[in-house]
C-alpha atoms as a PDB file:
ATOM      1  CA  MET A   1     -82.997 -25.782   1.965  1.00  0.00           C
ATOM      2  CA  SER A   2     -79.366 -26.947   2.998  1.00  0.00           C
ATOM      3  CA  THR A   3     -78.029 -26.078   6.434  1.00  0.00           C
ATOM      4  CA  ALA A   4     -75.565 -23.606   5.006  1.00  0.00           C
ATOM      5  CA  THR A   5     -78.595 -21.219   4.006  1.00  0.00           C
ATOM      6  CA  SER A   6     -81.220 -22.426   6.126  1.00  0.00           C
ATOM      7  CA  LEU A   7     -82.528 -19.722   8.862  1.00  0.00           C
ATOM      8  CA  ILE A   8     -81.358 -19.732  12.376  1.00  0.00           C
ATOM      9  CA  SER A   9     -84.489 -21.353  14.280  1.00  0.00           C
ATOM     10  CA  PRO A  10     -86.086 -18.945  16.745  1.00  0.00           C
ATOM     11  CA  ARG A  11     -86.731 -19.913  20.373  1.00  0.00           C
ATOM     12  CA  LYS A  12     -90.207 -18.960  19.921  1.00  0.00           C
ATOM     13  CA  ALA A  13     -92.248 -17.011  17.485  1.00  0.00           C
ATOM     14  CA  PRO A  14     -89.426 -14.491  16.073  1.00  0.00           C
ATOM     15  CA  THR A  15     -89.267 -11.239  17.941  1.00  0.00           C
ATOM     16  CA  ARG A  16     -90.386  -8.105  15.950  1.00  0.00           C
ATOM     17  CA  ARG A  17     -88.547  -5.456  15.196  1.00  0.00           C
ATOM     18  CA  ARG A  18     -88.856  -3.226  18.416  1.00  0.00           C
ATOM     19  CA  GLY A  19     -90.144   0.097  16.617  1.00  0.00           C
ATOM     20  CA  LYS A  20     -87.475   2.671  15.592  1.00  0.00           C
ATOM     21  CA  ALA A  21     -83.988   2.293  16.050  1.00  0.00           C
ATOM     22  CA  PRO A  22     -82.816   3.588  19.128  1.00  0.00           C
ATOM     23  CA  PHE A  23     -79.982   5.174  17.448  1.00  0.00           C
ATOM     24  CA  GLU A  24     -79.028   6.074  13.478  1.00  0.00           C
ATOM     25  CA  ASN A  25     -77.220   2.956  11.677  1.00  0.00           C
ATOM     26  CA  MET A  26     -78.762   0.446  14.063  1.00  0.00           C
ATOM     27  CA  MET A  27     -79.919  -2.889  13.026  1.00  0.00           C
ATOM     28  CA  TRP A  28     -82.547  -5.094  14.795  1.00  0.00           C
ATOM     29  CA  ILE A  29     -81.094  -8.497  15.308  1.00  0.00           C
ATOM     30  CA  PRO A  30     -83.846 -11.020  16.207  1.00  0.00           C
ATOM     31  CA  SER A  31     -84.184 -13.445  18.767  1.00  0.00           C
ATOM     32  CA  GLY A  32     -83.252 -17.223  18.123  1.00  0.00           C
ATOM     33  CA  THR A  33     -81.217 -20.270  18.620  1.00  0.00           C
ATOM     34  CA  PHE A  34     -78.021 -21.203  16.893  1.00  0.00           C
ATOM     35  CA  MET A  35     -75.165 -23.495  16.836  1.00  0.00           C
ATOM     36  CA  MET A  36     -72.274 -21.262  18.336  1.00  0.00           C
ATOM     37  CA  GLY A  37     -68.577 -22.181  17.703  1.00  0.00           C
ATOM     38  CA  SER A  38     -67.373 -25.024  15.110  1.00  0.00           C
ATOM     39  CA  ASN A  39     -66.034 -28.049  15.213  1.00  0.00           C
ATOM     40  CA  ASN A  40     -63.891 -28.162  12.085  1.00  0.00           C
ATOM     41  CA  HIS A  41     -61.557 -25.304  12.604  1.00  0.00           C
ATOM     42  CA  TYR A  42     -59.562 -24.368  15.366  1.00  0.00           C
ATOM     43  CA  PRO A  43     -59.648 -25.923  18.637  1.00  0.00           C
ATOM     44  CA  GLU A  44     -60.758 -22.951  20.632  1.00  0.00           C
ATOM     45  CA  GLU A  45     -64.133 -22.937  18.466  1.00  0.00           C
ATOM     46  CA  ALA A  46     -65.136 -26.440  19.580  1.00  0.00           C
ATOM     47  CA  PRO A  47     -67.173 -27.809  20.550  1.00  0.00           C
ATOM     48  CA  ALA A  48     -70.039 -26.279  18.478  1.00  0.00           C
ATOM     49  CA  HIS A  49     -73.069 -25.808  21.153  1.00  0.00           C
ATOM     50  CA  PRO A  50     -76.651 -24.722  21.094  1.00  0.00           C
ATOM     51  CA  VAL A  51     -77.171 -20.809  22.307  1.00  0.00           C
ATOM     52  CA  THR A  52     -80.048 -18.839  22.414  1.00  0.00           C
ATOM     53  CA  VAL A  53     -80.096 -14.988  22.507  1.00  0.00           C
ATOM     54  CA  ASP A  54     -82.849 -12.314  22.767  1.00  0.00           C
ATOM     55  CA  GLY A  55     -83.110  -9.648  20.038  1.00  0.00           C
ATOM     56  CA  PHE A  56     -81.081  -6.670  20.311  1.00  0.00           C
ATOM     57  CA  TRP A  57     -79.873  -3.493  18.154  1.00  0.00           C
ATOM     58  CA  MET A  58     -76.585  -3.524  16.533  1.00  0.00           C
ATOM     59  CA  ASP A  59     -74.309  -0.980  14.903  1.00  0.00           C
ATOM     60  CA  GLN A  60     -74.136  -1.370  11.024  1.00  0.00           C
ATOM     61  CA  TYR A  61     -70.944  -0.755  11.200  1.00  0.00           C
ATOM     62  CA  ALA A  62     -67.813  -0.626  13.321  1.00  0.00           C
ATOM     63  CA  VAL A  63     -67.326   2.402  15.191  1.00  0.00           C
ATOM     64  CA  THR A  64     -65.219   5.182  12.735  1.00  0.00           C
ATOM     65  CA  ASN A  65     -62.396   7.234  13.474  1.00  0.00           C
ATOM     66  CA  ALA A  66     -65.002  10.062  13.088  1.00  0.00           C
ATOM     67  CA  GLN A  67     -67.057   8.910  15.619  1.00  0.00           C
ATOM     68  CA  PHE A  68     -64.512   8.246  18.118  1.00  0.00           C
ATOM     69  CA  SER A  69     -63.236  11.750  17.335  1.00  0.00           C
ATOM     70  CA  ARG A  70     -66.267  13.254  18.407  1.00  0.00           C
ATOM     71  CA  PHE A  71     -66.304  10.994  21.602  1.00  0.00           C
ATOM     72  CA  VAL A  72     -63.061  12.249  22.644  1.00  0.00           C
ATOM     73  CA  GLU A  73     -63.901  16.112  21.741  1.00  0.00           C
ATOM     74  CA  ASN A  74     -66.717  16.045  24.116  1.00  0.00           C
ATOM     75  CA  THR A  75     -65.040  14.205  27.036  1.00  0.00           C
ATOM     76  CA  ASN A  76     -61.610  15.050  26.259  1.00  0.00           C
ATOM     77  CA  TYR A  77     -60.854  11.211  26.945  1.00  0.00           C
ATOM     78  CA  VAL A  78     -57.523   9.970  26.201  1.00  0.00           C
ATOM     79  CA  THR A  79     -56.941   6.216  25.367  1.00  0.00           C
ATOM     80  CA  SER A  80     -54.884   3.485  26.638  1.00  0.00           C
ATOM     81  CA  ALA A  81     -52.546   3.591  24.153  1.00  0.00           C
ATOM     82  CA  GLU A  82     -51.812   7.690  24.433  1.00  0.00           C
ATOM     83  CA  ARG A  83     -51.065   6.766  28.388  1.00  0.00           C
ATOM     84  CA  ALA A  84     -47.767   5.477  29.866  1.00  0.00           C
ATOM     85  CA  PRO A  85     -48.235   2.515  31.404  1.00  0.00           C
ATOM     86  CA  ARG A  86     -47.347   2.782  35.238  1.00  0.00           C
ATOM     87  CA  LEU A  87     -43.955   0.553  36.647  1.00  0.00           C
ATOM     88  CA  GLU A  88     -46.540  -0.515  39.457  1.00  0.00           C
ATOM     89  CA  ASP A  89     -49.050  -2.126  37.147  1.00  0.00           C
ATOM     90  CA  TYR A  90     -45.737  -3.531  35.030  1.00  0.00           C
ATOM     91  CA  PRO A  91     -42.914  -4.855  37.847  1.00  0.00           C
ATOM     92  CA  GLY A  92     -40.054  -5.720  35.778  1.00  0.00           C
ATOM     93  CA  ALA A  93     -40.978  -4.091  32.671  1.00  0.00           C
ATOM     94  CA  LYS A  94     -38.294  -2.783  30.316  1.00  0.00           C
ATOM     95  CA  PRO A  95     -37.928   1.033  30.574  1.00  0.00           C
ATOM     96  CA  GLU A  96     -38.675   1.590  26.960  1.00  0.00           C
ATOM     97  CA  MET A  97     -41.762  -0.373  27.289  1.00  0.00           C
ATOM     98  CA  LEU A  98     -43.460   2.266  29.648  1.00  0.00           C
ATOM     99  CA  VAL A  99     -44.087   4.898  27.082  1.00  0.00           C
ATOM    100  CA  PRO A 100     -47.322   5.743  25.276  1.00  0.00           C
ATOM    101  CA  ALA A 101     -47.616   3.187  22.543  1.00  0.00           C
ATOM    102  CA  SER A 102     -49.544   0.570  20.718  1.00  0.00           C
ATOM    103  CA  VAL A 103     -48.532  -2.759  18.505  1.00  0.00           C
ATOM    104  CA  VAL A 104     -48.249  -2.185  15.000  1.00  0.00           C
ATOM    105  CA  PHE A 105     -47.834  -4.761  12.255  1.00  0.00           C
ATOM    106  CA  ILE A 106     -44.727  -4.272  10.175  1.00  0.00           C
ATOM    107  CA  ARG A 107     -44.162  -6.604   7.662  1.00  0.00           C
ATOM    108  CA  PRO A 108     -40.871  -8.682   7.834  1.00  0.00           C
ATOM    109  CA  GLY A 109     -39.513  -8.685   4.130  1.00  0.00           C
ATOM    110  CA  TYR A 110     -38.403 -12.324   4.907  1.00  0.00           C
ATOM    111  CA  ALA A 111     -39.071 -15.596   5.353  1.00  0.00           C
ATOM    112  CA  VAL A 112     -40.280 -16.025   9.186  1.00  0.00           C
ATOM    113  CA  ASP A 113     -41.783 -18.361  11.670  1.00  0.00           C
ATOM    114  CA  LEU A 114     -45.259 -18.450  11.738  1.00  0.00           C
ATOM    115  CA  ARG A 115     -45.631 -19.909  15.130  1.00  0.00           C
ATOM    116  CA  ASN A 116     -44.079 -16.506  16.547  1.00  0.00           C
ATOM    117  CA  HIS A 117     -45.925 -13.634  16.117  1.00  0.00           C
ATOM    118  CA  LEU A 118     -43.533 -11.293  17.566  1.00  0.00           C
ATOM    119  CA  ASN A 119     -41.879 -11.795  13.922  1.00  0.00           C
ATOM    120  CA  TRP A 120     -44.435  -8.963  12.705  1.00  0.00           C
ATOM    121  CA  TRP A 121     -45.863  -7.451  15.546  1.00  0.00           C
ATOM    122  CA  THR A 122     -44.031  -4.274  16.836  1.00  0.00           C
ATOM    123  CA  TYR A 123     -44.746  -2.339  19.790  1.00  0.00           C
ATOM    124  CA  VAL A 124     -44.341   1.059  18.388  1.00  0.00           C
ATOM    125  CA  PRO A 125     -44.115   4.245  20.419  1.00  0.00           C
ATOM    126  CA  GLY A 126     -46.339   7.145  19.625  1.00  0.00           C
ATOM    127  CA  ALA A 127     -48.765   4.927  17.621  1.00  0.00           C
ATOM    128  CA  SER A 128     -52.532   5.590  19.065  1.00  0.00           C
ATOM    129  CA  TRP A 129     -55.897   5.660  17.061  1.00  0.00           C
ATOM    130  CA  ARG A 130     -54.672   9.061  16.002  1.00  0.00           C
ATOM    131  CA  HIS A 131     -51.482   7.793  14.504  1.00  0.00           C
ATOM    132  CA  PRO A 132     -52.294   4.040  13.299  1.00  0.00           C
ATOM    133  CA  LEU A 133     -49.211   3.462  11.801  1.00  0.00           C
ATOM    134  CA  GLY A 134     -46.690   5.437  14.120  1.00  0.00           C
ATOM    135  CA  PRO A 135     -46.503   8.910  15.030  1.00  0.00           C
ATOM    136  CA  ALA A 136     -45.130  10.000  11.797  1.00  0.00           C
ATOM    137  CA  THR A 137     -49.157   9.248  10.295  1.00  0.00           C
ATOM    138  CA  SER A 138     -52.574  10.659  10.625  1.00  0.00           C
ATOM    139  CA  LEU A 139     -56.298  10.313  10.338  1.00  0.00           C
ATOM    140  CA  LYS A 140     -56.219  12.041   7.286  1.00  0.00           C
ATOM    141  CA  GLY A 141     -58.596  10.175   4.725  1.00  0.00           C
ATOM    142  CA  LEU A 142     -59.467   7.453   7.144  1.00  0.00           C
ATOM    143  CA  HIS A 143     -62.211   9.225   9.063  1.00  0.00           C
ATOM    144  CA  LYS A 144     -64.692   6.450   7.644  1.00  0.00           C
ATOM    145  CA  HIS A 145     -62.310   3.849   8.331  1.00  0.00           C
ATOM    146  CA  PRO A 146     -62.656   1.860  11.937  1.00  0.00           C
ATOM    147  CA  VAL A 147     -61.215   3.322  14.830  1.00  0.00           C
ATOM    148  CA  VAL A 148     -58.060   0.860  15.973  1.00  0.00           C
ATOM    149  CA  HIS A 149     -55.649   1.117  18.700  1.00  0.00           C
ATOM    150  CA  VAL A 150     -58.497   1.093  21.179  1.00  0.00           C
ATOM    151  CA  ALA A 151     -58.279  -1.231  24.281  1.00  0.00           C
ATOM    152  CA  TYR A 152     -61.278  -2.985  25.851  1.00  0.00           C
ATOM    153  CA  GLU A 153     -61.454   0.068  28.484  1.00  0.00           C
ATOM    154  CA  ASP A 154     -61.528   2.399  25.719  1.00  0.00           C
ATOM    155  CA  ALA A 155     -64.030   0.515  23.774  1.00  0.00           C
ATOM    156  CA  ALA A 156     -66.511   0.388  27.142  1.00  0.00           C
ATOM    157  CA  ALA A 157     -65.615   4.068  27.430  1.00  0.00           C
ATOM    158  CA  TYR A 158     -66.949   4.907  24.120  1.00  0.00           C
ATOM    159  CA  ALA A 159     -69.901   2.729  24.390  1.00  0.00           C
ATOM    160  CA  GLU A 160     -70.826   4.145  27.775  1.00  0.00           C
ATOM    161  CA  TRP A 161     -70.710   7.776  26.463  1.00  0.00           C
ATOM    162  CA  ALA A 162     -72.990   6.862  23.638  1.00  0.00           C
ATOM    163  CA  GLY A 163     -75.581   5.224  25.414  1.00  0.00           C
ATOM    164  CA  LYS A 164     -74.895   1.981  24.316  1.00  0.00           C
ATOM    165  CA  GLU A 165     -73.432  -1.369  25.035  1.00  0.00           C
ATOM    166  CA  LEU A 166     -70.626  -3.772  23.967  1.00  0.00           C
ATOM    167  CA  PRO A 167     -72.061  -7.154  22.696  1.00  0.00           C
ATOM    168  CA  THR A 168     -71.156 -10.588  24.171  1.00  0.00           C
ATOM    169  CA  GLU A 169     -69.749 -12.608  22.314  1.00  0.00           C
ATOM    170  CA  ALA A 170     -72.838 -14.946  21.470  1.00  0.00           C
ATOM    171  CA  GLU A 171     -74.544 -11.920  20.483  1.00  0.00           C
ATOM    172  CA  TRP A 172     -71.623 -10.907  18.011  1.00  0.00           C
ATOM    173  CA  GLU A 173     -71.624 -14.393  16.731  1.00  0.00           C
ATOM    174  CA  PHE A 174     -75.200 -14.645  15.982  1.00  0.00           C
ATOM    175  CA  ALA A 175     -75.503 -11.082  14.430  1.00  0.00           C
ATOM    176  CA  ALA A 176     -72.749 -12.155  12.277  1.00  0.00           C
ATOM    177  CA  ARG A 177     -74.166 -15.249  11.002  1.00  0.00           C
ATOM    178  CA  GLY A 178     -77.024 -12.780   9.566  1.00  0.00           C
ATOM    179  CA  GLY A 179     -79.398 -15.860   9.504  1.00  0.00           C
ATOM    180  CA  LEU A 180     -77.744 -18.799   8.359  1.00  0.00           C
ATOM    181  CA  GLU A 181     -77.008 -21.757  10.084  1.00  0.00           C
ATOM    182  CA  ALA A 182     -73.856 -23.460  10.092  1.00  0.00           C
ATOM    183  CA  ALA A 183     -72.524 -21.373   7.257  1.00  0.00           C
ATOM    184  CA  GLU A 184     -68.702 -21.152   7.351  1.00  0.00           C
ATOM    185  CA  PHE A 185     -68.716 -17.776   6.394  1.00  0.00           C
ATOM    186  CA  VAL A 186     -71.351 -14.608   7.106  1.00  0.00           C
ATOM    187  CA  TRP A 187     -72.513 -14.712   3.692  1.00  0.00           C
ATOM    188  CA  GLY A 188     -72.689 -18.558   2.948  1.00  0.00           C
ATOM    189  CA  ASN A 189     -70.308 -21.297   2.556  1.00  0.00           C
ATOM    190  CA  GLU A 190     -67.938 -19.924  -0.532  1.00  0.00           C
ATOM    191  CA  PHE A 191     -65.054 -18.020   0.558  1.00  0.00           C
ATOM    192  CA  GLU A 192     -65.123 -15.900  -2.935  1.00  0.00           C
ATOM    193  CA  PRO A 193     -68.911 -16.593  -4.641  1.00  0.00           C
ATOM    194  CA  ASP A 194     -68.441 -16.590  -7.854  1.00  0.00           C
ATOM    195  CA  GLY A 195     -65.089 -14.767  -7.961  1.00  0.00           C
ATOM    196  CA  LYS A 196     -66.584 -11.829  -5.634  1.00  0.00           C
ATOM    197  CA  VAL A 197     -64.381 -10.411  -2.852  1.00  0.00           C
ATOM    198  CA  MET A 198     -66.495 -10.456  -0.086  1.00  0.00           C
ATOM    199  CA  ALA A 199     -64.056  -9.152   3.038  1.00  0.00           C
ATOM    200  CA  ASN A 200     -61.238  -7.229   3.622  1.00  0.00           C
ATOM    201  CA  THR A 201     -58.637 -10.069   4.372  1.00  0.00           C
ATOM    202  CA  TRP A 202     -54.890 -10.781   3.455  1.00  0.00           C
ATOM    203  CA  GLN A 203     -54.637 -12.508  -0.296  1.00  0.00           C
ATOM    204  CA  GLY A 204     -51.243 -14.072  -0.454  1.00  0.00           C
ATOM    205  CA  ASP A 205     -48.333 -15.588   1.475  1.00  0.00           C
ATOM    206  CA  PHE A 206     -48.808 -14.299   5.060  1.00  0.00           C
ATOM    207  CA  PRO A 207     -46.724 -11.879   6.143  1.00  0.00           C
ATOM    208  CA  ASN A 208     -44.769 -10.546   3.412  1.00  0.00           C
ATOM    209  CA  GLU A 209     -47.264 -10.925   0.151  1.00  0.00           C
ATOM    210  CA  ASN A 210     -50.152  -9.197  -0.106  1.00  0.00           C
ATOM    211  CA  LEU A 211     -51.882  -9.287  -3.588  1.00  0.00           C
ATOM    212  CA  LEU A 212     -54.275  -6.638  -2.608  1.00  0.00           C
ATOM    213  CA  SER A 213     -57.043  -8.241  -4.333  1.00  0.00           C
ATOM    214  CA  ASP A 214     -59.842  -6.788  -2.419  1.00  0.00           C
ATOM    215  CA  GLY A 215     -58.318  -3.537  -3.071  1.00  0.00           C
ATOM    216  CA  PHE A 216     -57.098  -2.591   0.767  1.00  0.00           C
ATOM    217  CA  GLU A 217     -53.815  -3.268   2.198  1.00  0.00           C
ATOM    218  CA  TRP A 218     -54.710  -1.956   5.534  1.00  0.00           C
ATOM    219  CA  THR A 219     -58.535  -0.977   6.823  1.00  0.00           C
ATOM    220  CA  ALA A 220     -61.512  -0.117   4.595  1.00  0.00           C
ATOM    221  CA  PRO A 221     -63.935   2.537   5.010  1.00  0.00           C
ATOM    222  CA  VAL A 222     -67.051   0.976   6.719  1.00  0.00           C
ATOM    223  CA  GLY A 223     -69.609  -0.289   4.244  1.00  0.00           C
ATOM    224  CA  SER A 224     -66.988  -1.237   1.621  1.00  0.00           C
ATOM    225  CA  PHE A 225     -68.290  -4.744   1.127  1.00  0.00           C
ATOM    226  CA  PRO A 226     -71.674  -6.623   1.143  1.00  0.00           C
ATOM    227  CA  PRO A 227     -74.003  -6.651   4.107  1.00  0.00           C
ATOM    228  CA  ASN A 228     -74.882 -10.079   5.467  1.00  0.00           C
ATOM    229  CA  GLY A 229     -78.650 -10.649   6.290  1.00  0.00           C
ATOM    230  CA  TYR A 230     -79.020  -8.558   9.057  1.00  0.00           C
ATOM    231  CA  GLY A 231     -77.836  -5.926   7.246  1.00  0.00           C
ATOM    232  CA  LEU A 232     -74.435  -5.315   9.109  1.00  0.00           C
ATOM    233  CA  TYR A 233     -70.936  -4.596   7.113  1.00  0.00           C
ATOM    234  CA  GLU A 234     -67.806  -5.878   7.799  1.00  0.00           C
ATOM    235  CA  MET A 235     -68.826  -8.782   9.860  1.00  0.00           C
ATOM    236  CA  ALA A 236     -65.842 -10.629   8.351  1.00  0.00           C
ATOM    237  CA  GLY A 237     -62.245  -8.919   8.000  1.00  0.00           C
ATOM    238  CA  ASN A 238     -61.340  -5.481   8.053  1.00  0.00           C
ATOM    239  CA  VAL A 239     -60.984  -5.399  11.945  1.00  0.00           C
ATOM    240  CA  TRP A 240     -61.450  -7.626  15.003  1.00  0.00           C
ATOM    241  CA  GLU A 241     -64.069  -6.245  17.375  1.00  0.00           C
ATOM    242  CA  TRP A 242     -64.142  -6.808  21.257  1.00  0.00           C
ATOM    243  CA  THR A 243     -66.694  -8.115  23.048  1.00  0.00           C
ATOM    244  CA  THR A 244     -67.637  -8.315  26.782  1.00  0.00           C
ATOM    245  CA  ASP A 245     -66.725 -11.799  27.482  1.00  0.00           C
ATOM    246  CA  TRP A 246     -63.538 -12.966  29.394  1.00  0.00           C
ATOM    247  CA  TYR A 247     -61.806 -15.404  27.184  1.00  0.00           C
ATOM    248  CA  GLN A 248     -62.058 -19.193  28.005  1.00  0.00           C
ATOM    249  CA  GLU A 249     -62.369 -22.189  25.664  1.00  0.00           C
ATOM    250  CA  HIS A 250     -65.700 -23.190  24.878  1.00  0.00           C
ATOM    251  CA  SER A 251     -65.469 -26.636  26.636  1.00  0.00           C
ATOM    252  CA  LYS A 252     -64.378 -25.198  30.000  1.00  0.00           C
ATOM    253  CA  ILE A 253     -67.335 -22.541  29.553  1.00  0.00           C
ATOM    254  CA  GLU A 254     -69.750 -23.178  32.699  1.00  0.00           C
ATOM    255  CA  HIS A 255     -73.084 -21.427  32.225  1.00  0.00           C
ATOM    256  CA  SER A 256     -74.635 -21.842  36.057  1.00  0.00           C
ATOM    257  CA  CYS A 257     -76.264 -19.083  35.627  1.00  0.00           C
ATOM    258  CA  CYS A 258     -78.153 -18.714  32.583  1.00  0.00           C
ATOM    259  CA  GLY A 259     -77.556 -21.537  30.995  1.00  0.00           C
ATOM    260  CA  SER A 260     -77.329 -21.558  27.427  1.00  0.00           C
ATOM    261  CA  ILE A 261     -79.511 -18.508  27.126  1.00  0.00           C
ATOM    262  CA  ASN A 262     -77.826 -15.117  26.611  1.00  0.00           C
ATOM    263  CA  PRO A 263     -74.706 -16.766  27.871  1.00  0.00           C
ATOM    264  CA  ARG A 264     -71.857 -14.231  29.099  1.00  0.00           C
ATOM    265  CA  GLY A 265     -68.431 -16.525  28.898  1.00  0.00           C
ATOM    266  CA  ALA A 266     -66.330 -17.110  31.294  1.00  0.00           C
ATOM    267  CA  LEU A 267     -65.965 -15.256  34.736  1.00  0.00           C
ATOM    268  CA  ARG A 268     -62.172 -14.455  33.947  1.00  0.00           C
ATOM    269  CA  GLU A 269     -59.597 -15.643  32.275  1.00  0.00           C
ATOM    270  CA  GLU A 270     -55.868 -15.033  32.578  1.00  0.00           C
ATOM    271  CA  SER A 271     -52.801 -14.756  29.581  1.00  0.00           C
ATOM    272  CA  PHE A 272     -49.273 -13.520  30.028  1.00  0.00           C
ATOM    273  CA  ASP A 273     -48.196 -10.307  28.399  1.00  0.00           C
ATOM    274  CA  PRO A 274     -45.687 -11.149  25.338  1.00  0.00           C
ATOM    275  CA  CYS A 275     -43.873  -8.534  26.225  1.00  0.00           C
ATOM    276  CA  THR A 276     -42.777  -9.387  29.880  1.00  0.00           C
ATOM    277  CA  ALA A 277     -43.694 -13.105  29.712  1.00  0.00           C
ATOM    278  CA  SER A 278     -44.418 -12.677  33.800  1.00  0.00           C
ATOM    279  CA  ILE A 279     -47.538 -10.596  34.435  1.00  0.00           C
ATOM    280  CA  PRO A 280     -51.003 -12.139  33.829  1.00  0.00           C
ATOM    281  CA  ILE A 281     -53.264  -9.986  31.607  1.00  0.00           C
ATOM    282  CA  PRO A 282     -56.828 -10.855  31.613  1.00  0.00           C
ATOM    283  CA  ARG A 283     -57.884 -11.638  28.002  1.00  0.00           C
ATOM    284  CA  LYS A 284     -61.570 -10.850  26.523  1.00  0.00           C
ATOM    285  CA  VAL A 285     -63.148 -12.508  23.574  1.00  0.00           C
ATOM    286  CA  MET A 286     -62.272 -10.611  20.271  1.00  0.00           C
ATOM    287  CA  LYS A 287     -64.355 -11.958  16.974  1.00  0.00           C
ATOM    288  CA  GLY A 288     -64.261 -11.466  13.390  1.00  0.00           C
ATOM    289  CA  GLY A 289     -60.664 -11.942  11.999  1.00  0.00           C
ATOM    290  CA  SER A 290     -59.105  -8.805  10.092  1.00  0.00           C
ATOM    291  CA  PHE A 291     -57.249  -7.611   7.383  1.00  0.00           C
ATOM    292  CA  LEU A 292     -54.186  -9.784   8.060  1.00  0.00           C
ATOM    293  CA  CYS A 293     -55.833 -12.757   8.278  1.00  0.00           C
ATOM    294  CA  ALA A 294     -54.901 -14.850   5.199  1.00  0.00           C
ATOM    295  CA  PRO A 295     -55.419 -18.921   4.238  1.00  0.00           C
ATOM    296  CA  ASN A 296     -51.921 -19.826   4.988  1.00  0.00           C
ATOM    297  CA  TYR A 297     -52.144 -17.884   8.765  1.00  0.00           C
ATOM    298  CA  CYS A 298     -55.048 -16.951  10.835  1.00  0.00           C
ATOM    299  CA  ARG A 299     -58.284 -18.062   9.045  1.00  0.00           C
ATOM    300  CA  ARG A 300     -60.584 -16.560  11.359  1.00  0.00           C
ATOM    301  CA  TYR A 301     -62.579 -14.449   9.268  1.00  0.00           C
ATOM    302  CA  ARG A 302     -65.874 -16.695  10.250  1.00  0.00           C
ATOM    303  CA  PRO A 303     -68.370 -15.911  12.492  1.00  0.00           C
ATOM    304  CA  ALA A 304     -67.286 -19.095  14.546  1.00  0.00           C
ATOM    305  CA  ALA A 305     -63.875 -17.547  14.830  1.00  0.00           C
ATOM    306  CA  ARG A 306     -62.602 -16.695  18.359  1.00  0.00           C
ATOM    307  CA  MET A 307     -59.204 -15.325  20.195  1.00  0.00           C
ATOM    308  CA  GLY A 308     -58.480 -14.028  23.370  1.00  0.00           C
ATOM    309  CA  GLN A 309     -56.993  -9.938  23.539  1.00  0.00           C
ATOM    310  CA  PRO A 310     -55.532  -8.663  26.453  1.00  0.00           C
ATOM    311  CA  VAL A 311     -57.778  -6.255  27.947  1.00  0.00           C
ATOM    312  CA  ASP A 312     -54.593  -3.661  28.113  1.00  0.00           C
ATOM    313  CA  THR A 313     -53.374  -4.232  24.331  1.00  0.00           C
ATOM    314  CA  SER A 314     -54.528  -1.880  21.668  1.00  0.00           C
ATOM    315  CA  THR A 315     -53.300  -3.389  17.842  1.00  0.00           C
ATOM    316  CA  CYS A 316     -53.781  -1.846  14.570  1.00  0.00           C
ATOM    317  CA  HIS A 317     -56.339  -4.433  13.552  1.00  0.00           C
ATOM    318  CA  LEU A 318     -58.818  -4.091  16.186  1.00  0.00           C
ATOM    319  CA  GLY A 319     -61.913  -2.137  16.718  1.00  0.00           C
ATOM    320  CA  PHE A 320     -65.289  -2.685  17.993  1.00  0.00           C
ATOM    321  CA  ARG A 321     -68.913  -1.956  17.375  1.00  0.00           C
ATOM    322  CA  CYS A 322     -72.066  -1.420  20.002  1.00  0.00           C
ATOM    323  CA  VAL A 323     -75.408  -3.073  21.066  1.00  0.00           C
ATOM    324  CA  VAL A 324     -78.620  -1.647  22.301  1.00  0.00           C
ATOM    325  CA  ARG A 325     -80.297  -4.252  24.595  1.00  0.00           C
ATOM    326  CA  VAL A 326     -84.398  -4.406  25.029  1.00  0.00           C
END
């Protein structure tokens, strides 16, 4: 049996499913040990290293607009993107930035330097989970699509309301691998096995040419693509997903407390807000890639891929799913 298709090795006797799922549409992820990260792609994924996680329940799908709507209706919660940033939190920020807004992908329409992401990302006043592409747009026809424009605190608030939690990076990656060890993608080693499109990603020359081979220009309804070995849908592409871990390079993470068993990643890491270039913003790890990941840019539609996302920043391609730990 090849390493790309062999089952992830258990730490002990495989944890049996712990009875009935605590909530609808949750799948049991058995305990096991796996090689986390990759030595073959982006530097932040290396070094690959063995990690063990205990069994847990995970949402089959990313949280949808319909689910998030119920949360808001029951709690009157207002997301980060719907609140104006406070000047005291962002000293020196331009006044036009201190309005309710979120980050939206806008196709530039001409050749741009791929090293500068500001060539296609725009801070759009009025963009939010209710208005995913700007104030003139709505959720019409998008109730089964993953909710987007949620900052970390928004995802955490939903999880607490739902009686769940957000996954750690290790839990998320272990679940995404679906029982396959060392496979490049969540379904195996071929990006399109037998020509079949397996995830909602960008086909063509990013950021201007999207061939739409997968049938979707933006997000896709959850459950649109085949599940992985654990019955989880869209663990690659569609939307990036929040995890609880503070971002730090694998090579710098110290597991002084728990070692490689149920690791929690870094204690804290700081980055800089691209809008002000001066304010330290802590980052959490996001996983899975999105509909904007392309072969010529951001090949991060893989379980090992990871990026640090400022906790105060929401975008049109970032959502989340939840877990329940036993």
